[in-house]
Amino acid sequence: MVLSGFLGAGKTTVLNHLLHSSRGSRIAVLVNDFGSIEIDAMAVAGQAGSTVSLGNGCLCCAVDVSELDEQLARLTAPGLRVDLVVIEASGLAEPAELVRMVLAGDNPRLVYGGLVEVVDAAEFPATRARHPGLGTRLAVADLVVLNKTDRITAAARAELL
């Protein structure tokens, strides 16, 4: 599963919720942080069956996807008995490209589970203005999580839905 969303949308919050409500499922996490301080990796460390951080930039910008393939192979090794691999993409990542990279891999133990796009409801108008490609991101997502709905009015929520 690929977990995507712009910076501040709440991807790590959604991931932590998934990890805390896993009911015994073993979840491996591949965190793609952008920058030198890997806050997301620290936030989820110890909560998953296995956590890997790729802190050298945006996954979708990599020309050589061998590191991604290598880490996915490691996370899906039979000895780990992982039930789900979640790739938490950087807020800068292009989700369609990341999905393409995952699907292009030849790992027989990896079944693509979909793209989940997290959207900050309170910042949606500003995000749409700053990122004209938001509509495309929402269109390619298998599931859209409308996050932070407690920060908007019922009328604004109804308009978003």
N, C-alpha and C. Protein backbone atom coordinates (compact mmCIF):
# COMPACT_ATOMS: atom_id res chain seq x y z
N MET A 1 0.85 -1.17 0.00
CA MET A 1 0.00 0.00 0.00
C MET A 1 0.89 1.23 0.00
N VAL A 2 0.56 2.19 -0.82
CA VAL A 2 1.27 3.46 -0.86
C VAL A 2 0.40 4.49 -0.16
N LEU A 3 0.98 5.19 0.81
CA LEU A 3 0.30 6.23 1.57
C LEU A 3 0.89 7.56 1.15
N SER A 4 0.06 8.42 0.60
CA SER A 4 0.53 9.66 0.01
C SER A 4 -0.28 10.84 0.51
N GLY A 5 0.23 12.02 0.31
CA GLY A 5 -0.45 13.25 0.69
C GLY A 5 0.57 14.37 0.77
N PHE A 6 0.11 15.59 0.62
CA PHE A 6 1.01 16.73 0.70
C PHE A 6 1.51 16.91 2.13
N LEU A 7 2.57 17.69 2.28
CA LEU A 7 3.16 17.95 3.59
C LEU A 7 2.10 18.47 4.56
N GLY A 8 2.03 17.86 5.73
CA GLY A 8 1.09 18.30 6.75
C GLY A 8 -0.31 17.73 6.64
N ALA A 9 -0.56 16.90 5.64
CA ALA A 9 -1.91 16.36 5.45
C ALA A 9 -2.31 15.38 6.55
N GLY A 10 -1.31 14.73 7.16
CA GLY A 10 -1.61 13.78 8.22
C GLY A 10 -1.28 12.34 7.88
N LYS A 11 -0.34 12.14 6.96
CA LYS A 11 0.03 10.78 6.56
C LYS A 11 0.54 9.96 7.75
N THR A 12 1.41 10.56 8.55
CA THR A 12 1.97 9.83 9.69
C THR A 12 0.89 9.54 10.72
N THR A 13 -0.05 10.43 10.91
CA THR A 13 -1.17 10.19 11.82
C THR A 13 -2.00 9.01 11.34
N VAL A 14 -2.30 8.96 10.06
CA VAL A 14 -3.05 7.84 9.49
C VAL A 14 -2.25 6.55 9.65
N LEU A 15 -0.95 6.61 9.38
CA LEU A 15 -0.10 5.44 9.53
C LEU A 15 -0.08 4.95 10.98
N ASN A 16 0.08 5.87 11.92
CA ASN A 16 0.07 5.48 13.33
C ASN A 16 -1.26 4.85 13.73
N HIS A 17 -2.36 5.38 13.21
CA HIS A 17 -3.67 4.78 13.48
C HIS A 17 -3.73 3.35 12.95
N LEU A 18 -3.24 3.16 11.75
CA LEU A 18 -3.20 1.82 11.15
C LEU A 18 -2.36 0.87 12.00
N LEU A 19 -1.20 1.34 12.44
CA LEU A 19 -0.31 0.50 13.24
C LEU A 19 -0.93 0.15 14.59
N HIS A 20 -1.62 1.11 15.21
CA HIS A 20 -2.22 0.87 16.53
C HIS A 20 -3.47 0.01 16.46
N SER A 21 -4.10 -0.05 15.30
CA SER A 21 -5.34 -0.84 15.18
C SER A 21 -5.14 -2.07 14.30
N SER A 22 -3.93 -2.56 14.24
CA SER A 22 -3.61 -3.67 13.33
C SER A 22 -4.11 -5.03 13.80
N ARG A 23 -4.52 -5.14 15.05
CA ARG A 23 -5.07 -6.39 15.60
C ARG A 23 -4.16 -7.59 15.33
N GLY A 24 -2.89 -7.41 15.57
CA GLY A 24 -1.96 -8.52 15.43
C GLY A 24 -1.33 -8.69 14.06
N SER A 25 -1.81 -7.97 13.08
CA SER A 25 -1.19 -8.05 11.75
C SER A 25 0.21 -7.44 11.83
N ARG A 26 1.13 -8.06 11.14
CA ARG A 26 2.51 -7.54 11.11
C ARG A 26 2.63 -6.58 9.94
N ILE A 27 2.92 -5.33 10.26
CA ILE A 27 3.00 -4.28 9.26
C ILE A 27 4.43 -3.78 9.16
N ALA A 28 4.97 -3.81 7.96
CA ALA A 28 6.29 -3.25 7.70
C ALA A 28 6.09 -1.87 7.09
N VAL A 29 6.95 -0.94 7.44
CA VAL A 29 6.80 0.43 6.97
C VAL A 29 8.08 0.88 6.29
N LEU A 30 7.91 1.42 5.10
CA LEU A 30 9.01 2.05 4.38
C LEU A 30 8.69 3.53 4.35
N VAL A 31 9.47 4.33 5.07
CA VAL A 31 9.22 5.76 5.19
C VAL A 31 10.17 6.50 4.26
N ASN A 32 9.61 7.33 3.39
CA ASN A 32 10.42 8.11 2.46
C ASN A 32 10.42 9.56 2.92
N ASP A 33 11.34 9.90 3.80
CA ASP A 33 11.45 11.26 4.30
C ASP A 33 12.22 12.12 3.32
N PHE A 34 11.93 13.40 3.33
CA PHE A 34 12.70 14.33 2.51
C PHE A 34 13.37 15.30 3.47
N GLY A 35 14.66 15.28 3.52
CA GLY A 35 15.39 16.15 4.44
C GLY A 35 16.25 15.35 5.39
N SER A 36 17.00 16.06 6.20
CA SER A 36 17.97 15.39 7.05
C SER A 36 17.39 14.91 8.37
N ILE A 37 16.31 15.50 8.85
CA ILE A 37 15.71 15.07 10.11
C ILE A 37 14.52 14.19 9.77
N GLU A 38 14.62 12.94 10.14
CA GLU A 38 13.61 11.97 9.74
C GLU A 38 12.57 11.80 10.85
N ILE A 39 11.75 12.81 11.02
CA ILE A 39 10.76 12.82 12.08
C ILE A 39 9.75 11.70 11.89
N ASP A 40 9.31 11.48 10.68
CA ASP A 40 8.33 10.44 10.43
C ASP A 40 8.86 9.07 10.82
N ALA A 41 10.11 8.78 10.50
CA ALA A 41 10.69 7.49 10.84
C ALA A 41 10.75 7.32 12.35
N MET A 42 11.08 8.40 13.06
CA MET A 42 11.14 8.32 14.52
C MET A 42 9.74 8.12 15.10
N ALA A 43 8.75 8.73 14.49
CA ALA A 43 7.39 8.64 15.01
C ALA A 43 6.82 7.24 14.92
N VAL A 44 7.22 6.48 13.92
CA VAL A 44 6.66 5.14 13.75
C VAL A 44 7.61 4.04 14.21
N ALA A 45 8.84 4.40 14.57
CA ALA A 45 9.82 3.39 14.97
C ALA A 45 9.31 2.57 16.15
N GLY A 46 9.49 1.29 16.06
CA GLY A 46 9.11 0.39 17.14
C GLY A 46 7.66 -0.02 17.13
N GLN A 47 6.85 0.53 16.25
CA GLN A 47 5.44 0.21 16.23
C GLN A 47 5.10 -0.79 15.15
N ALA A 48 6.01 -1.02 14.23
CA ALA A 48 5.72 -1.91 13.11
C ALA A 48 6.59 -3.15 13.21
N GLY A 49 6.26 -4.15 12.43
CA GLY A 49 7.07 -5.35 12.38
C GLY A 49 8.47 -5.02 11.93
N SER A 50 8.60 -4.07 11.04
CA SER A 50 9.90 -3.63 10.55
C SER A 50 9.73 -2.25 9.95
N THR A 51 10.71 -1.39 10.20
CA THR A 51 10.66 -0.04 9.66
C THR A 51 11.95 0.25 8.91
N VAL A 52 11.83 0.78 7.72
CA VAL A 52 12.99 1.17 6.92
C VAL A 52 12.78 2.61 6.51
N SER A 53 13.83 3.41 6.59
CA SER A 53 13.74 4.79 6.17
C SER A 53 14.68 5.04 5.00
N LEU A 54 14.14 5.65 3.96
CA LEU A 54 14.96 6.09 2.83
C LEU A 54 15.01 7.61 2.90
N GLY A 55 16.02 8.14 3.55
CA GLY A 55 16.09 9.57 3.80
C GLY A 55 16.91 10.34 2.79
N ASN A 56 17.23 9.74 1.66
CA ASN A 56 18.10 10.41 0.70
C ASN A 56 17.32 11.14 -0.39
N GLY A 57 16.10 11.51 -0.11
CA GLY A 57 15.33 12.26 -1.10
C GLY A 57 14.03 11.57 -1.45
N CYS A 58 13.36 12.11 -2.41
CA CYS A 58 12.05 11.62 -2.81
C CYS A 58 12.19 10.35 -3.64
N LEU A 59 11.47 9.30 -3.25
CA LEU A 59 11.52 8.03 -3.97
C LEU A 59 11.23 8.20 -5.45
N CYS A 60 10.22 9.00 -5.77
CA CYS A 60 9.80 9.09 -7.16
C CYS A 60 10.80 9.85 -8.02
N CYS A 61 11.76 10.53 -7.39
CA CYS A 61 12.76 11.26 -8.14
C CYS A 61 13.98 10.41 -8.45
N ALA A 62 14.06 9.24 -7.85
CA ALA A 62 15.24 8.39 -8.03
C ALA A 62 15.25 7.82 -9.44
N VAL A 63 16.40 7.88 -10.06
CA VAL A 63 16.56 7.27 -11.38
C VAL A 63 16.75 5.78 -11.22
N ASP A 64 17.54 5.38 -10.21
CA ASP A 64 17.83 3.98 -9.95
C ASP A 64 16.88 3.50 -8.86
N VAL A 65 15.95 2.64 -9.19
CA VAL A 65 14.98 2.16 -8.21
C VAL A 65 15.46 0.92 -7.49
N SER A 66 16.72 0.58 -7.67
CA SER A 66 17.23 -0.65 -7.07
C SER A 66 17.15 -0.61 -5.55
N GLU A 67 17.34 0.57 -4.94
CA GLU A 67 17.24 0.65 -3.47
C GLU A 67 15.82 0.35 -3.02
N LEU A 68 14.83 0.88 -3.73
CA LEU A 68 13.44 0.59 -3.39
C LEU A 68 13.17 -0.91 -3.53
N ASP A 69 13.57 -1.49 -4.64
CA ASP A 69 13.37 -2.93 -4.84
C ASP A 69 14.07 -3.74 -3.76
N GLU A 70 15.28 -3.33 -3.41
CA GLU A 70 16.05 -4.04 -2.38
C GLU A 70 15.35 -3.99 -1.02
N GLN A 71 14.86 -2.81 -0.66
CA GLN A 71 14.18 -2.67 0.64
C GLN A 71 12.86 -3.42 0.65
N LEU A 72 12.12 -3.39 -0.45
CA LEU A 72 10.86 -4.14 -0.51
C LEU A 72 11.13 -5.64 -0.42
N ALA A 73 12.20 -6.10 -1.05
CA ALA A 73 12.56 -7.52 -0.96
C ALA A 73 12.91 -7.89 0.48
N ARG A 74 13.63 -7.00 1.14
CA ARG A 74 13.99 -7.26 2.54
C ARG A 74 12.76 -7.30 3.44
N LEU A 75 11.83 -6.36 3.22
CA LEU A 75 10.63 -6.29 4.06
C LEU A 75 9.67 -7.45 3.81
N THR A 76 9.73 -8.05 2.63
CA THR A 76 8.82 -9.15 2.31
C THR A 76 9.50 -10.51 2.42
N ALA A 77 10.68 -10.55 3.02
CA ALA A 77 11.38 -11.83 3.20
C ALA A 77 10.51 -12.77 4.02
N PRO A 78 10.44 -14.05 3.64
CA PRO A 78 9.57 -15.01 4.34
C PRO A 78 9.78 -15.05 5.85
N GLY A 79 10.99 -14.86 6.32
CA GLY A 79 11.26 -14.93 7.75
C GLY A 79 10.59 -13.84 8.57
N LEU A 80 10.28 -12.71 7.95
CA LEU A 80 9.62 -11.62 8.68
C LEU A 80 8.13 -11.85 8.86
N ARG A 81 7.54 -12.66 8.00
CA ARG A 81 6.10 -12.95 8.07
C ARG A 81 5.26 -11.66 8.13
N VAL A 82 5.57 -10.74 7.23
CA VAL A 82 4.87 -9.46 7.16
C VAL A 82 3.55 -9.63 6.42
N ASP A 83 2.48 -9.04 6.97
CA ASP A 83 1.16 -9.11 6.34
C ASP A 83 0.91 -7.94 5.40
N LEU A 84 1.54 -6.80 5.67
CA LEU A 84 1.29 -5.59 4.89
C LEU A 84 2.55 -4.73 4.89
N VAL A 85 2.89 -4.21 3.72
CA VAL A 85 3.97 -3.22 3.61
C VAL A 85 3.32 -1.89 3.26
N VAL A 86 3.58 -0.88 4.08
CA VAL A 86 3.09 0.46 3.82
C VAL A 86 4.27 1.32 3.42
N ILE A 87 4.16 1.97 2.27
CA ILE A 87 5.17 2.93 1.83
C ILE A 87 4.59 4.31 2.10
N GLU A 88 5.16 5.00 3.10
CA GLU A 88 4.71 6.36 3.38
C GLU A 88 5.56 7.30 2.55
N ALA A 89 4.96 7.86 1.52
CA ALA A 89 5.68 8.72 0.58
C ALA A 89 5.93 10.10 1.18
N SER A 90 6.98 10.71 0.73
CA SER A 90 7.26 12.10 1.08
C SER A 90 6.12 12.96 0.55
N GLY A 91 5.86 14.07 1.21
CA GLY A 91 4.84 15.00 0.71
C GLY A 91 5.19 15.56 -0.65
N LEU A 92 6.46 15.43 -1.04
CA LEU A 92 6.91 15.91 -2.34
C LEU A 92 6.78 14.86 -3.44
N ALA A 93 6.49 13.64 -3.05
CA ALA A 93 6.44 12.53 -4.01
C ALA A 93 5.26 12.66 -4.97
N GLU A 94 5.45 12.19 -6.17
CA GLU A 94 4.37 12.10 -7.15
C GLU A 94 3.80 10.69 -7.03
N PRO A 95 2.60 10.54 -6.46
CA PRO A 95 2.09 9.21 -6.16
C PRO A 95 1.94 8.29 -7.36
N ALA A 96 1.52 8.80 -8.50
CA ALA A 96 1.35 7.94 -9.67
C ALA A 96 2.69 7.33 -10.09
N GLU A 97 3.75 8.11 -9.99
CA GLU A 97 5.09 7.62 -10.34
C GLU A 97 5.56 6.58 -9.33
N LEU A 98 5.27 6.81 -8.07
CA LEU A 98 5.65 5.85 -7.03
C LEU A 98 4.91 4.53 -7.22
N VAL A 99 3.64 4.60 -7.54
CA VAL A 99 2.86 3.38 -7.82
C VAL A 99 3.46 2.66 -9.02
N ARG A 100 3.83 3.41 -10.05
CA ARG A 100 4.45 2.80 -11.23
C ARG A 100 5.73 2.05 -10.85
N MET A 101 6.53 2.66 -9.98
CA MET A 101 7.77 2.02 -9.54
C MET A 101 7.50 0.73 -8.78
N VAL A 102 6.50 0.76 -7.91
CA VAL A 102 6.15 -0.44 -7.14
C VAL A 102 5.66 -1.54 -8.08
N LEU A 103 4.79 -1.18 -9.02
CA LEU A 103 4.25 -2.17 -9.95
C LEU A 103 5.31 -2.71 -10.91
N ALA A 104 6.34 -1.92 -11.18
CA ALA A 104 7.40 -2.36 -12.09
C ALA A 104 8.33 -3.38 -11.46
N GLY A 105 8.29 -3.49 -10.15
CA GLY A 105 9.16 -4.46 -9.47
C GLY A 105 8.75 -5.88 -9.79
N ASP A 106 9.68 -6.80 -9.59
CA ASP A 106 9.39 -8.20 -9.92
C ASP A 106 9.38 -9.09 -8.67
N ASN A 107 9.02 -8.52 -7.54
CA ASN A 107 8.98 -9.27 -6.28
C ASN A 107 7.70 -10.11 -6.24
N PRO A 108 7.82 -11.45 -6.28
CA PRO A 108 6.63 -12.30 -6.29
C PRO A 108 5.88 -12.30 -4.95
N ARG A 109 6.51 -11.82 -3.90
CA ARG A 109 5.85 -11.80 -2.58
C ARG A 109 5.13 -10.48 -2.32
N LEU A 110 5.17 -9.58 -3.28
CA LEU A 110 4.58 -8.26 -3.09
C LEU A 110 3.36 -8.11 -4.00
N VAL A 111 2.22 -7.86 -3.39
CA VAL A 111 0.98 -7.63 -4.12
C VAL A 111 0.57 -6.18 -3.86
N TYR A 112 0.42 -5.41 -4.92
CA TYR A 112 0.05 -4.00 -4.77
C TYR A 112 -1.32 -3.88 -4.12
N GLY A 113 -1.38 -3.10 -3.04
CA GLY A 113 -2.62 -2.97 -2.28
C GLY A 113 -3.35 -1.66 -2.46
N GLY A 114 -2.87 -0.80 -3.34
CA GLY A 114 -3.59 0.43 -3.60
C GLY A 114 -2.87 1.68 -3.13
N LEU A 115 -3.40 2.81 -3.58
CA LEU A 115 -2.87 4.12 -3.23
C LEU A 115 -3.89 4.83 -2.35
N VAL A 116 -3.45 5.25 -1.17
CA VAL A 116 -4.29 6.01 -0.24
C VAL A 116 -3.76 7.43 -0.20
N GLU A 117 -4.58 8.38 -0.58
CA GLU A 117 -4.20 9.79 -0.59
C GLU A 117 -4.86 10.47 0.62
N VAL A 118 -4.04 11.09 1.48
CA VAL A 118 -4.53 11.79 2.66
C VAL A 118 -4.62 13.28 2.32
N VAL A 119 -5.77 13.87 2.63
CA VAL A 119 -6.03 15.27 2.32
C VAL A 119 -6.39 16.00 3.61
N ASP A 120 -5.79 17.15 3.84
CA ASP A 120 -6.10 18.00 4.98
C ASP A 120 -7.34 18.81 4.63
N ALA A 121 -8.45 18.51 5.28
CA ALA A 121 -9.72 19.18 4.96
C ALA A 121 -9.65 20.68 5.23
N ALA A 122 -8.98 21.06 6.32
CA ALA A 122 -8.91 22.47 6.69
C ALA A 122 -8.08 23.28 5.70
N GLU A 123 -7.11 22.65 5.08
CA GLU A 123 -6.22 23.34 4.15
C GLU A 123 -6.54 23.04 2.68
N PHE A 124 -7.64 22.35 2.44
CA PHE A 124 -7.93 21.91 1.07
C PHE A 124 -7.95 23.06 0.06
N PRO A 125 -8.67 24.16 0.32
CA PRO A 125 -8.68 25.24 -0.69
C PRO A 125 -7.28 25.79 -0.97
N ALA A 126 -6.48 25.98 0.07
CA ALA A 126 -5.12 26.50 -0.12
C ALA A 126 -4.24 25.47 -0.83
N THR A 127 -4.40 24.21 -0.49
CA THR A 127 -3.62 23.15 -1.13
C THR A 127 -3.96 23.07 -2.61
N ARG A 128 -5.24 23.16 -2.93
CA ARG A 128 -5.67 23.11 -4.33
C ARG A 128 -5.11 24.29 -5.11
N ALA A 129 -5.04 25.46 -4.47
CA ALA A 129 -4.49 26.65 -5.14
C ALA A 129 -2.98 26.51 -5.37
N ARG A 130 -2.28 25.93 -4.41
CA ARG A 130 -0.81 25.78 -4.52
C ARG A 130 -0.41 24.62 -5.42
N HIS A 131 -1.26 23.61 -5.50
CA HIS A 131 -0.91 22.39 -6.23
C HIS A 131 -2.00 22.05 -7.25
N PRO A 132 -1.90 22.58 -8.47
CA PRO A 132 -2.92 22.33 -9.49
C PRO A 132 -3.09 20.86 -9.82
N GLY A 133 -2.10 20.03 -9.53
CA GLY A 133 -2.19 18.60 -9.82
C GLY A 133 -2.95 17.81 -8.77
N LEU A 134 -3.52 18.49 -7.79
CA LEU A 134 -4.25 17.79 -6.73
C LEU A 134 -5.39 16.94 -7.29
N GLY A 135 -6.11 17.46 -8.27
CA GLY A 135 -7.21 16.70 -8.87
C GLY A 135 -6.75 15.38 -9.46
N THR A 136 -5.60 15.38 -10.10
CA THR A 136 -5.04 14.16 -10.66
C THR A 136 -4.68 13.18 -9.56
N ARG A 137 -4.07 13.69 -8.48
CA ARG A 137 -3.72 12.83 -7.35
C ARG A 137 -4.96 12.15 -6.78
N LEU A 138 -6.03 12.92 -6.65
CA LEU A 138 -7.27 12.35 -6.10
C LEU A 138 -7.87 11.34 -7.07
N ALA A 139 -7.76 11.60 -8.36
CA ALA A 139 -8.33 10.70 -9.36
C ALA A 139 -7.62 9.36 -9.41
N VAL A 140 -6.31 9.34 -9.19
CA VAL A 140 -5.58 8.07 -9.27
C VAL A 140 -5.60 7.30 -7.95
N ALA A 141 -6.04 7.93 -6.88
CA ALA A 141 -6.08 7.26 -5.57
C ALA A 141 -7.17 6.20 -5.54
N ASP A 142 -6.86 5.09 -4.88
CA ASP A 142 -7.87 4.05 -4.66
C ASP A 142 -8.76 4.41 -3.48
N LEU A 143 -8.22 5.20 -2.55
CA LEU A 143 -8.96 5.64 -1.37
C LEU A 143 -8.46 7.02 -1.01
N VAL A 144 -9.38 7.95 -0.72
CA VAL A 144 -9.02 9.28 -0.26
C VAL A 144 -9.46 9.41 1.19
N VAL A 145 -8.52 9.76 2.07
CA VAL A 145 -8.82 9.98 3.48
C VAL A 145 -8.92 11.48 3.69
N LEU A 146 -10.09 11.95 4.06
CA LEU A 146 -10.30 13.36 4.35
C LEU A 146 -10.00 13.56 5.83
N ASN A 147 -8.84 14.10 6.12
CA ASN A 147 -8.32 14.23 7.47
C ASN A 147 -8.61 15.62 8.04
N LYS A 148 -8.60 15.74 9.33
CA LYS A 148 -8.76 17.01 10.05
C LYS A 148 -10.13 17.64 9.79
N THR A 149 -11.15 16.82 9.64
CA THR A 149 -12.49 17.35 9.39
C THR A 149 -13.06 18.04 10.62
N ASP A 150 -12.47 17.79 11.79
CA ASP A 150 -12.93 18.46 13.01
C ASP A 150 -12.55 19.94 13.01
N ARG A 151 -11.75 20.36 12.08
CA ARG A 151 -11.29 21.75 12.02
C ARG A 151 -12.09 22.60 11.03
N ILE A 152 -13.13 22.01 10.44
CA ILE A 152 -13.94 22.76 9.48
C ILE A 152 -15.41 22.66 9.88
N THR A 153 -16.21 23.55 9.33
CA THR A 153 -17.64 23.55 9.63
C THR A 153 -18.34 22.41 8.90
N ALA A 154 -19.53 22.11 9.34
CA ALA A 154 -20.32 21.06 8.69
C ALA A 154 -20.60 21.43 7.23
N ALA A 155 -20.82 22.71 6.96
CA ALA A 155 -21.08 23.16 5.59
C ALA A 155 -19.84 22.96 4.71
N ALA A 156 -18.68 23.30 5.24
CA ALA A 156 -17.44 23.11 4.47
C ALA A 156 -17.18 21.63 4.23
N ARG A 157 -17.48 20.81 5.23
CA ARG A 157 -17.31 19.36 5.08
C ARG A 157 -18.23 18.82 4.00
N ALA A 158 -19.48 19.26 4.00
CA ALA A 158 -20.44 18.81 2.99
C ALA A 158 -20.00 19.24 1.59
N GLU A 159 -19.42 20.42 1.49
CA GLU A 159 -18.93 20.90 0.19
C GLU A 159 -17.77 20.04 -0.33
N LEU A 160 -16.91 19.61 0.57
CA LEU A 160 -15.77 18.77 0.18
C LEU A 160 -16.21 17.39 -0.27
N LEU A 161 -17.23 16.87 0.36
CA LEU A 161 -17.69 15.53 0.02
C LEU A 161 -18.50 15.56 -1.25
